[in-house]
Amino acid sequence: MTATQVQEVVHRAAHREFGDALEELIRAVLKASGRGVPGGETELTLSQYFVMDAMADEALTVSEVARVARVAVPTATRALRGLETRGFVDRERNDEEDRRLVTVALTSSGRSVLDEKRTWVQERQREIFDGLSPAERRTVTGALSAIAHNIEEL
């Protein structure tokens, strides 16, 4: 076998190993996302959490919420509808010239729920982080960012 052929075999094996690890990660994320964001009295879906987090600092239009939360507009719309029903967000018409322009903002109750959920998420992130060695942390941080970027480019 030539050196080029050996490199190709090694490359294919590494690709297969990477694919298996990526599938395992995706399955774990999907399983966790089905559980939503517990912690405290109120459970949220992941979409609801991301949408609320996007509005943490200011009122936004639905399309702005979707962009900041990195979800599709229909996903943001569904999440906002559920959050509004529960009293966590308010819709406001602010533009006298264009009555279609609606912004959404967290209510005080929504802000309390978001603070509670952020604490829960940060605790879970800390548990995952603490389960890695310092070398793994350095490797994983860069790799996860690169993987996320590559997935978004698909």
N, C-alpha and C. Protein backbone atom coordinates (compact mmCIF):
# COMPACT_ATOMS: atom_id res chain seq x y z
N MET A 1 0.85 -1.18 0.00
CA MET A 1 0.00 0.00 0.00
C MET A 1 0.90 1.24 0.00
N THR A 2 0.54 2.20 -0.82
CA THR A 2 1.34 3.43 -0.91
C THR A 2 1.00 4.35 0.27
N ALA A 3 1.85 5.35 0.47
CA ALA A 3 1.61 6.32 1.54
C ALA A 3 0.30 7.06 1.32
N THR A 4 -0.02 7.36 0.07
CA THR A 4 -1.28 8.05 -0.25
C THR A 4 -2.48 7.17 0.10
N GLN A 5 -2.39 5.89 -0.19
CA GLN A 5 -3.49 4.97 0.13
C GLN A 5 -3.65 4.83 1.64
N VAL A 6 -2.55 4.78 2.36
CA VAL A 6 -2.61 4.70 3.82
C VAL A 6 -3.28 5.96 4.38
N GLN A 7 -2.89 7.11 3.86
CA GLN A 7 -3.51 8.36 4.31
C GLN A 7 -5.01 8.36 4.05
N GLU A 8 -5.42 7.83 2.91
CA GLU A 8 -6.85 7.77 2.56
C GLU A 8 -7.60 6.86 3.52
N VAL A 9 -7.03 5.71 3.86
CA VAL A 9 -7.66 4.78 4.81
C VAL A 9 -7.78 5.44 6.18
N VAL A 10 -6.73 6.10 6.62
CA VAL A 10 -6.75 6.79 7.92
C VAL A 10 -7.79 7.91 7.89
N HIS A 11 -7.85 8.65 6.79
CA HIS A 11 -8.82 9.74 6.66
C HIS A 11 -10.26 9.20 6.73
N ARG A 12 -10.53 8.12 6.02
CA ARG A 12 -11.88 7.53 6.04
C ARG A 12 -12.25 7.05 7.43
N ALA A 13 -11.31 6.44 8.14
CA ALA A 13 -11.57 5.96 9.50
C ALA A 13 -11.85 7.13 10.43
N ALA A 14 -11.07 8.19 10.30
CA ALA A 14 -11.28 9.38 11.13
C ALA A 14 -12.63 10.01 10.81
N HIS A 15 -13.00 10.04 9.53
CA HIS A 15 -14.29 10.59 9.12
C HIS A 15 -15.42 9.78 9.73
N ARG A 16 -15.32 8.47 9.70
CA ARG A 16 -16.34 7.60 10.27
C ARG A 16 -16.45 7.82 11.79
N GLU A 17 -15.30 7.92 12.47
CA GLU A 17 -15.28 8.16 13.91
C GLU A 17 -15.92 9.51 14.24
N PHE A 18 -15.59 10.54 13.46
CA PHE A 18 -16.18 11.86 13.65
C PHE A 18 -17.69 11.80 13.45
N GLY A 19 -18.13 11.14 12.37
CA GLY A 19 -19.56 11.02 12.09
C GLY A 19 -20.30 10.35 13.23
N ASP A 20 -19.72 9.29 13.77
CA ASP A 20 -20.35 8.59 14.90
C ASP A 20 -20.46 9.51 16.12
N ALA A 21 -19.38 10.24 16.41
CA ALA A 21 -19.38 11.14 17.56
C ALA A 21 -20.38 12.28 17.36
N LEU A 22 -20.46 12.82 16.14
CA LEU A 22 -21.41 13.89 15.86
C LEU A 22 -22.84 13.39 16.00
N GLU A 23 -23.13 12.21 15.50
CA GLU A 23 -24.48 11.63 15.66
C GLU A 23 -24.81 11.45 17.13
N GLU A 24 -23.85 10.99 17.92
CA GLU A 24 -24.07 10.81 19.35
C GLU A 24 -24.39 12.15 20.02
N LEU A 25 -23.65 13.19 19.65
CA LEU A 25 -23.91 14.53 20.19
C LEU A 25 -25.29 15.02 19.79
N ILE A 26 -25.64 14.87 18.52
CA ILE A 26 -26.94 15.33 18.04
C ILE A 26 -28.07 14.60 18.76
N ARG A 27 -27.93 13.29 18.94
CA ARG A 27 -28.96 12.53 19.66
C ARG A 27 -29.10 13.02 21.10
N ALA A 28 -27.98 13.29 21.76
CA ALA A 28 -28.02 13.78 23.14
C ALA A 28 -28.69 15.15 23.21
N VAL A 29 -28.36 16.02 22.26
CA VAL A 29 -28.96 17.36 22.23
C VAL A 29 -30.46 17.26 21.96
N LEU A 30 -30.85 16.43 21.00
CA LEU A 30 -32.28 16.27 20.70
C LEU A 30 -33.04 15.69 21.89
N LYS A 31 -32.44 14.73 22.56
CA LYS A 31 -33.08 14.14 23.74
C LYS A 31 -33.25 15.21 24.83
N ALA A 32 -32.20 15.99 25.04
CA ALA A 32 -32.28 17.06 26.05
C ALA A 32 -33.27 18.13 25.64
N SER A 33 -33.32 18.47 24.35
CA SER A 33 -34.23 19.53 23.92
C SER A 33 -35.68 19.11 24.07
N GLY A 34 -35.97 17.83 23.98
CA GLY A 34 -37.33 17.34 24.20
C GLY A 34 -37.78 17.52 25.64
N ARG A 35 -36.81 17.62 26.53
CA ARG A 35 -37.15 17.83 27.94
C ARG A 35 -37.44 19.28 28.25
N GLY A 36 -37.07 20.17 27.37
CA GLY A 36 -37.28 21.59 27.62
C GLY A 36 -36.30 22.11 28.65
N VAL A 37 -36.65 23.23 29.27
CA VAL A 37 -35.79 23.86 30.27
C VAL A 37 -36.54 23.84 31.59
N PRO A 38 -36.29 22.82 32.42
CA PRO A 38 -36.97 22.75 33.71
C PRO A 38 -36.30 23.69 34.71
N GLY A 39 -36.49 23.44 35.96
CA GLY A 39 -35.91 24.28 36.99
C GLY A 39 -36.94 25.28 37.47
N GLY A 40 -37.33 25.15 38.71
CA GLY A 40 -38.34 26.04 39.25
C GLY A 40 -39.74 25.55 38.92
N GLU A 41 -40.68 26.45 39.03
CA GLU A 41 -42.09 26.11 38.87
C GLU A 41 -42.53 26.02 37.41
N THR A 42 -41.84 26.71 36.52
CA THR A 42 -42.30 26.87 35.15
C THR A 42 -41.36 26.17 34.18
N GLU A 43 -41.90 25.30 33.33
CA GLU A 43 -41.08 24.66 32.31
C GLU A 43 -41.27 25.39 30.99
N LEU A 44 -40.19 25.53 30.25
CA LEU A 44 -40.22 26.16 28.93
C LEU A 44 -39.65 25.18 27.91
N THR A 45 -40.10 25.30 26.66
CA THR A 45 -39.43 24.58 25.59
C THR A 45 -38.12 25.32 25.31
N LEU A 46 -37.20 24.65 24.63
CA LEU A 46 -35.96 25.33 24.28
C LEU A 46 -36.22 26.55 23.41
N SER A 47 -37.16 26.43 22.47
CA SER A 47 -37.49 27.59 21.62
C SER A 47 -37.99 28.75 22.45
N GLN A 48 -38.85 28.48 23.42
CA GLN A 48 -39.36 29.54 24.29
C GLN A 48 -38.22 30.19 25.07
N TYR A 49 -37.32 29.36 25.57
CA TYR A 49 -36.18 29.91 26.32
C TYR A 49 -35.32 30.81 25.42
N PHE A 50 -34.98 30.33 24.22
CA PHE A 50 -34.15 31.12 23.32
C PHE A 50 -34.84 32.43 22.93
N VAL A 51 -36.15 32.37 22.71
CA VAL A 51 -36.92 33.56 22.35
C VAL A 51 -36.94 34.56 23.51
N MET A 52 -37.18 34.07 24.72
CA MET A 52 -37.18 34.97 25.88
C MET A 52 -35.80 35.58 26.09
N ASP A 53 -34.77 34.77 25.94
CA ASP A 53 -33.41 35.26 26.11
C ASP A 53 -33.08 36.34 25.09
N ALA A 54 -33.60 36.20 23.87
CA ALA A 54 -33.36 37.20 22.82
C ALA A 54 -33.96 38.55 23.20
N MET A 55 -35.06 38.54 23.94
CA MET A 55 -35.75 39.79 24.31
C MET A 55 -35.32 40.31 25.67
N ALA A 56 -34.28 39.77 26.24
CA ALA A 56 -33.91 40.11 27.61
C ALA A 56 -33.64 41.60 27.81
N ASP A 57 -33.06 42.24 26.80
CA ASP A 57 -32.64 43.63 26.99
C ASP A 57 -33.54 44.68 26.38
N GLU A 58 -34.40 44.26 25.43
CA GLU A 58 -35.24 45.26 24.77
C GLU A 58 -36.40 44.59 24.04
N ALA A 59 -37.41 45.40 23.76
CA ALA A 59 -38.53 44.94 22.94
C ALA A 59 -38.04 44.80 21.51
N LEU A 60 -38.53 43.77 20.82
CA LEU A 60 -38.11 43.49 19.45
C LEU A 60 -39.31 43.12 18.60
N THR A 61 -39.17 43.24 17.29
CA THR A 61 -40.19 42.71 16.40
C THR A 61 -40.02 41.20 16.36
N VAL A 62 -41.03 40.51 15.85
CA VAL A 62 -40.96 39.05 15.78
C VAL A 62 -39.77 38.61 14.92
N SER A 63 -39.55 39.28 13.80
CA SER A 63 -38.43 38.89 12.94
C SER A 63 -37.09 39.15 13.63
N GLU A 64 -37.00 40.21 14.42
CA GLU A 64 -35.76 40.46 15.18
C GLU A 64 -35.56 39.39 16.24
N VAL A 65 -36.64 39.01 16.92
CA VAL A 65 -36.56 37.94 17.91
C VAL A 65 -36.03 36.66 17.26
N ALA A 66 -36.59 36.31 16.11
CA ALA A 66 -36.16 35.09 15.40
C ALA A 66 -34.68 35.17 15.04
N ARG A 67 -34.25 36.31 14.54
CA ARG A 67 -32.84 36.46 14.14
C ARG A 67 -31.91 36.33 15.35
N VAL A 68 -32.23 37.05 16.44
CA VAL A 68 -31.37 37.03 17.63
C VAL A 68 -31.39 35.64 18.28
N ALA A 69 -32.56 35.01 18.32
CA ALA A 69 -32.69 33.68 18.94
C ALA A 69 -32.18 32.57 18.03
N ARG A 70 -31.92 32.91 16.77
CA ARG A 70 -31.44 31.95 15.78
C ARG A 70 -32.43 30.81 15.57
N VAL A 71 -33.70 31.21 15.42
CA VAL A 71 -34.77 30.26 15.10
C VAL A 71 -35.53 30.82 13.90
N ALA A 72 -36.32 29.97 13.27
CA ALA A 72 -37.14 30.41 12.14
C ALA A 72 -38.27 31.31 12.65
N VAL A 73 -38.74 32.21 11.80
CA VAL A 73 -39.82 33.13 12.19
C VAL A 73 -41.06 32.36 12.65
N PRO A 74 -41.51 31.29 11.95
CA PRO A 74 -42.67 30.55 12.46
C PRO A 74 -42.43 29.94 13.84
N THR A 75 -41.21 29.50 14.11
CA THR A 75 -40.87 28.96 15.43
C THR A 75 -40.98 30.05 16.48
N ALA A 76 -40.45 31.23 16.18
CA ALA A 76 -40.54 32.36 17.10
C ALA A 76 -41.99 32.75 17.33
N THR A 77 -42.79 32.76 16.27
CA THR A 77 -44.21 33.13 16.38
C THR A 77 -44.94 32.17 17.30
N ARG A 78 -44.72 30.86 17.12
CA ARG A 78 -45.37 29.86 17.98
C ARG A 78 -44.93 30.01 19.43
N ALA A 79 -43.63 30.18 19.63
CA ALA A 79 -43.11 30.33 20.99
C ALA A 79 -43.69 31.57 21.65
N LEU A 80 -43.74 32.68 20.91
CA LEU A 80 -44.28 33.92 21.47
C LEU A 80 -45.76 33.80 21.80
N ARG A 81 -46.50 33.10 20.96
CA ARG A 81 -47.93 32.90 21.23
C ARG A 81 -48.12 32.18 22.57
N GLY A 82 -47.35 31.11 22.78
CA GLY A 82 -47.43 30.38 24.04
C GLY A 82 -46.99 31.21 25.23
N LEU A 83 -45.94 31.99 25.05
CA LEU A 83 -45.44 32.85 26.13
C LEU A 83 -46.42 33.96 26.46
N GLU A 84 -47.07 34.50 25.43
CA GLU A 84 -48.07 35.55 25.65
C GLU A 84 -49.26 34.99 26.42
N THR A 85 -49.71 33.80 26.06
CA THR A 85 -50.82 33.15 26.75
C THR A 85 -50.52 32.97 28.24
N ARG A 86 -49.27 32.70 28.54
CA ARG A 86 -48.85 32.47 29.93
C ARG A 86 -48.51 33.77 30.66
N GLY A 87 -48.60 34.90 29.96
CA GLY A 87 -48.34 36.19 30.59
C GLY A 87 -46.87 36.55 30.70
N PHE A 88 -46.01 35.91 29.91
CA PHE A 88 -44.57 36.18 29.99
C PHE A 88 -44.10 37.24 29.01
N VAL A 89 -44.90 37.50 27.96
CA VAL A 89 -44.57 38.56 27.01
C VAL A 89 -45.82 39.36 26.68
N ASP A 90 -45.60 40.60 26.29
CA ASP A 90 -46.67 41.49 25.80
C ASP A 90 -46.34 41.91 24.39
N ARG A 91 -47.38 42.05 23.58
CA ARG A 91 -47.22 42.60 22.22
C ARG A 91 -47.68 44.05 22.26
N GLU A 92 -46.92 44.91 21.59
CA GLU A 92 -47.26 46.33 21.58
C GLU A 92 -47.18 46.86 20.15
N ARG A 93 -48.18 47.66 19.78
CA ARG A 93 -48.15 48.37 18.49
C ARG A 93 -47.61 49.76 18.79
N ASN A 94 -46.43 50.04 18.25
CA ASN A 94 -45.74 51.29 18.60
C ASN A 94 -45.69 52.31 17.48
N ASP A 95 -45.97 51.90 16.27
CA ASP A 95 -45.79 52.78 15.12
C ASP A 95 -47.16 53.29 14.65
N GLU A 96 -47.41 54.58 14.82
CA GLU A 96 -48.69 55.16 14.41
C GLU A 96 -48.87 55.10 12.89
N GLU A 97 -47.77 55.18 12.14
CA GLU A 97 -47.86 55.15 10.68
C GLU A 97 -48.08 53.74 10.15
N ASP A 98 -47.51 52.76 10.81
CA ASP A 98 -47.65 51.37 10.35
C ASP A 98 -48.17 50.53 11.51
N ARG A 99 -49.48 50.34 11.56
CA ARG A 99 -50.12 49.61 12.66
C ARG A 99 -49.76 48.13 12.64
N ARG A 100 -49.17 47.66 11.53
CA ARG A 100 -48.77 46.25 11.47
C ARG A 100 -47.50 46.00 12.28
N LEU A 101 -46.73 47.05 12.54
CA LEU A 101 -45.47 46.89 13.25
C LEU A 101 -45.74 46.62 14.73
N VAL A 102 -45.40 45.42 15.15
CA VAL A 102 -45.64 44.99 16.53
C VAL A 102 -44.31 44.60 17.15
N THR A 103 -44.09 45.06 18.37
CA THR A 103 -42.92 44.60 19.11
C THR A 103 -43.39 43.74 20.27
N VAL A 104 -42.50 42.87 20.70
CA VAL A 104 -42.81 42.02 21.85
C VAL A 104 -41.75 42.27 22.92
N ALA A 105 -42.19 42.23 24.16
CA ALA A 105 -41.29 42.49 25.28
C ALA A 105 -41.66 41.57 26.44
N LEU A 106 -40.67 41.28 27.26
CA LEU A 106 -40.92 40.47 28.45
C LEU A 106 -41.73 41.26 29.47
N THR A 107 -42.65 40.59 30.13
CA THR A 107 -43.35 41.18 31.27
C THR A 107 -42.46 40.98 32.50
N SER A 108 -42.83 41.56 33.62
CA SER A 108 -42.04 41.35 34.84
C SER A 108 -42.05 39.87 35.22
N SER A 109 -43.17 39.21 35.02
CA SER A 109 -43.25 37.78 35.30
C SER A 109 -42.35 37.00 34.34
N GLY A 110 -42.33 37.40 33.07
CA GLY A 110 -41.46 36.76 32.09
C GLY A 110 -39.99 36.95 32.43
N ARG A 111 -39.65 38.14 32.89
CA ARG A 111 -38.26 38.42 33.28
C ARG A 111 -37.85 37.53 34.46
N SER A 112 -38.74 37.33 35.41
CA SER A 112 -38.44 36.46 36.56
C SER A 112 -38.21 35.03 36.11
N VAL A 113 -39.07 34.55 35.21
CA VAL A 113 -38.92 33.18 34.69
C VAL A 113 -37.61 33.06 33.93
N LEU A 114 -37.28 34.06 33.10
CA LEU A 114 -36.04 34.01 32.34
C LEU A 114 -34.83 33.97 33.28
N ASP A 115 -34.84 34.78 34.32
CA ASP A 115 -33.73 34.78 35.28
C ASP A 115 -33.57 33.40 35.91
N GLU A 116 -34.69 32.79 36.28
CA GLU A 116 -34.67 31.45 36.88
C GLU A 116 -34.09 30.43 35.90
N LYS A 117 -34.51 30.50 34.64
CA LYS A 117 -34.05 29.55 33.63
C LYS A 117 -32.58 29.77 33.29
N ARG A 118 -32.16 31.02 33.22
CA ARG A 118 -30.74 31.30 32.94
C ARG A 118 -29.86 30.67 34.02
N THR A 119 -30.28 30.77 35.26
CA THR A 119 -29.53 30.16 36.35
C THR A 119 -29.44 28.66 36.16
N TRP A 120 -30.57 28.03 35.82
CA TRP A 120 -30.60 26.58 35.61
C TRP A 120 -29.67 26.20 34.45
N VAL A 121 -29.74 26.92 33.34
CA VAL A 121 -28.91 26.62 32.16
C VAL A 121 -27.43 26.79 32.51
N GLN A 122 -27.09 27.87 33.21
CA GLN A 122 -25.69 28.10 33.58
C GLN A 122 -25.17 26.99 34.49
N GLU A 123 -26.02 26.49 35.38
CA GLU A 123 -25.61 25.38 36.25
C GLU A 123 -25.35 24.11 35.43
N ARG A 124 -26.20 23.83 34.43
CA ARG A 124 -25.99 22.65 33.57
C ARG A 124 -24.72 22.82 32.74
N GLN A 125 -24.50 24.03 32.22
CA GLN A 125 -23.28 24.28 31.45
C GLN A 125 -22.05 24.06 32.33
N ARG A 126 -22.12 24.50 33.56
CA ARG A 126 -21.00 24.33 34.50
C ARG A 126 -20.75 22.84 34.75
N GLU A 127 -21.82 22.06 34.91
CA GLU A 127 -21.65 20.62 35.12
C GLU A 127 -20.96 19.96 33.93
N ILE A 128 -21.37 20.33 32.73
CA ILE A 128 -20.76 19.77 31.52
C ILE A 128 -19.29 20.19 31.44
N PHE A 129 -19.03 21.46 31.69
CA PHE A 129 -17.67 22.01 31.65
C PHE A 129 -16.78 21.32 32.68
N ASP A 130 -17.29 21.17 33.90
CA ASP A 130 -16.50 20.56 34.97
C ASP A 130 -16.21 19.08 34.71
N GLY A 131 -17.01 18.45 33.84
CA GLY A 131 -16.78 17.05 33.51
C GLY A 131 -15.67 16.85 32.48
N LEU A 132 -15.07 17.94 32.02
CA LEU A 132 -14.00 17.86 31.01
C LEU A 132 -12.66 18.24 31.63
N SER A 133 -11.60 17.64 31.14
CA SER A 133 -10.26 18.03 31.58
C SER A 133 -9.92 19.38 30.94
N PRO A 134 -8.91 20.09 31.48
CA PRO A 134 -8.52 21.36 30.87
C PRO A 134 -8.18 21.23 29.39
N ALA A 135 -7.51 20.17 29.01
CA ALA A 135 -7.16 19.96 27.60
C ALA A 135 -8.42 19.75 26.76
N GLU A 136 -9.37 18.96 27.29
CA GLU A 136 -10.63 18.73 26.57
C GLU A 136 -11.41 20.02 26.42
N ARG A 137 -11.40 20.86 27.45
CA ARG A 137 -12.12 22.14 27.38
C ARG A 137 -11.60 23.00 26.24
N ARG A 138 -10.28 23.09 26.12
CA ARG A 138 -9.68 23.91 25.06
C ARG A 138 -10.05 23.35 23.69
N THR A 139 -9.93 22.04 23.55
CA THR A 139 -10.21 21.41 22.26
C THR A 139 -11.68 21.53 21.90
N VAL A 140 -12.56 21.23 22.85
CA VAL A 140 -13.99 21.20 22.59
C VAL A 140 -14.54 22.59 22.28
N THR A 141 -14.08 23.60 22.97
CA THR A 141 -14.60 24.94 22.74
C THR A 141 -14.39 25.38 21.30
N GLY A 142 -13.21 25.23 20.80
CA GLY A 142 -12.94 25.60 19.41
C GLY A 142 -13.68 24.70 18.43
N ALA A 143 -13.69 23.41 18.72
CA ALA A 143 -14.33 22.46 17.82
C ALA A 143 -15.84 22.69 17.74
N LEU A 144 -16.49 22.94 18.87
CA LEU A 144 -17.94 23.16 18.85
C LEU A 144 -18.31 24.40 18.05
N SER A 145 -17.52 25.46 18.21
CA SER A 145 -17.79 26.68 17.43
C SER A 145 -17.63 26.41 15.94
N ALA A 146 -16.59 25.70 15.57
CA ALA A 146 -16.37 25.38 14.16
C ALA A 146 -17.48 24.49 13.61
N ILE A 147 -17.90 23.51 14.40
CA ILE A 147 -18.97 22.60 13.96
C ILE A 147 -20.27 23.39 13.78
N ALA A 148 -20.60 24.24 14.75
CA ALA A 148 -21.83 25.04 14.64
C ALA A 148 -21.79 25.91 13.39
N HIS A 149 -20.66 26.54 13.13
CA HIS A 149 -20.52 27.37 11.93
C HIS A 149 -20.71 26.54 10.67
N ASN A 150 -20.08 25.38 10.62
CA ASN A 150 -20.19 24.52 9.44
C ASN A 150 -21.62 24.03 9.23
N ILE A 151 -22.32 23.72 10.31
CA ILE A 151 -23.71 23.28 10.20
C ILE A 151 -24.58 24.41 9.66
N GLU A 152 -24.37 25.63 10.16
CA GLU A 152 -25.16 26.77 9.69
C GLU A 152 -24.92 27.06 8.22
N GLU A 153 -23.75 26.72 7.71
CA GLU A 153 -23.41 26.96 6.31
C GLU A 153 -24.00 25.91 5.37
N LEU A 154 -24.52 24.80 5.92
CA LEU A 154 -25.07 23.73 5.07
C LEU A 154 -26.28 24.20 4.29
